[in-house]
Protein backbone atom coordinates (compact mmCIF):
# COMPACT_ATOMS: atom_id res chain seq x y z
CA UNK A 1 22.43 -4.94 34.64
CA UNK A 2 20.55 -8.38 35.02
CA UNK A 3 21.73 -10.75 36.56
CA UNK A 4 20.26 -14.63 35.36
CA UNK A 5 20.89 -16.92 37.63
CA UNK A 6 20.03 -20.10 35.54
CA UNK A 7 23.84 -21.77 36.78
CA UNK A 8 23.12 -21.47 40.15
CA UNK A 9 19.48 -23.60 39.42
CA UNK A 10 21.04 -25.91 37.39
CA UNK A 11 24.00 -26.30 39.45
CA UNK A 12 21.83 -27.15 42.89
CA UNK A 13 19.73 -29.29 41.06
CA UNK A 14 22.80 -31.30 39.59
CA UNK A 15 21.15 -30.48 35.73
CA UNK A 16 23.18 -29.79 32.85
CA UNK A 17 21.48 -27.69 28.96
CA UNK A 18 20.32 -30.67 27.75
CA UNK A 19 19.19 -31.66 30.12
CA UNK A 20 16.56 -28.02 30.75
CA UNK A 21 15.69 -28.15 27.07
CA UNK A 22 14.19 -31.49 27.03
CA UNK A 23 12.46 -30.56 30.48
CA UNK A 24 11.41 -27.12 28.65
CA UNK A 25 10.93 -27.84 25.22
CA UNK A 26 13.88 -24.91 25.08
CA UNK A 27 16.52 -23.89 22.08
CA UNK A 28 19.60 -25.44 24.09
CA UNK A 29 20.92 -22.19 22.37
CA UNK A 30 18.81 -20.26 24.42
CA UNK A 31 19.55 -22.17 27.48
CA UNK A 32 23.18 -21.67 26.56
CA UNK A 33 22.73 -17.81 26.14
CA UNK A 34 21.37 -17.78 29.86
CA UNK A 35 22.89 -20.37 31.62
CA UNK A 36 26.72 -18.34 30.54
CA UNK A 37 24.68 -14.36 31.16
CA UNK A 38 25.14 -13.75 27.72
CA UNK A 39 22.01 -13.53 26.54
CA UNK A 40 20.73 -10.40 25.63
CA UNK A 41 16.95 -10.40 25.51
CA UNK A 42 14.21 -13.53 26.63
CA UNK A 43 11.08 -14.47 25.50
CA UNK A 44 8.49 -14.16 28.80
CA UNK A 45 7.38 -18.10 27.07
CA UNK A 46 11.19 -19.00 28.43
CA UNK A 47 11.16 -17.20 31.56
CA UNK A 48 7.68 -19.34 32.61
CA UNK A 49 8.84 -22.63 31.54
CA UNK A 50 11.81 -21.91 34.09
CA UNK A 51 9.92 -20.86 36.57
CA UNK A 52 7.71 -23.65 35.73
CA UNK A 53 10.64 -26.09 36.19
CA UNK A 54 12.76 -24.71 39.05
CA UNK A 55 9.54 -23.94 41.11
CA UNK A 56 10.44 -20.55 41.50
CA UNK A 57 9.25 -16.93 41.05
CA UNK A 58 11.27 -14.52 38.56
CA UNK A 59 13.09 -12.63 41.07
CA UNK A 60 15.00 -15.92 42.14
CA UNK A 61 16.27 -16.73 38.07
CA UNK A 62 16.42 -13.15 37.36
CA UNK A 63 17.93 -10.48 39.44
CA UNK A 64 18.10 -6.28 38.37
CA UNK A 65 21.75 -5.14 39.89
CA UNK A 66 23.71 -1.65 39.28
CA UNK A 67 26.33 -1.41 37.60
CA UNK A 68 28.38 0.00 40.59
CA UNK A 69 27.36 -3.87 41.57
CA UNK A 70 28.72 -5.47 39.07
CA UNK A 71 32.03 -4.71 39.12
């Protein structure tokens, strides 16, 4: 299972979905799906923009966990 830490990154910087959308140019729906961890796919461009905004690496944004750890 892939976990997305967008909500944590946004919380640390006190950012709202609208703020991230404005700064990255990504659609609000894309950000909402990642924030709620309900996205089934993500474009590399979106990962690039989010990592650029938060000045982080892909590993800080996305994390792989086994199914048994997620439960």
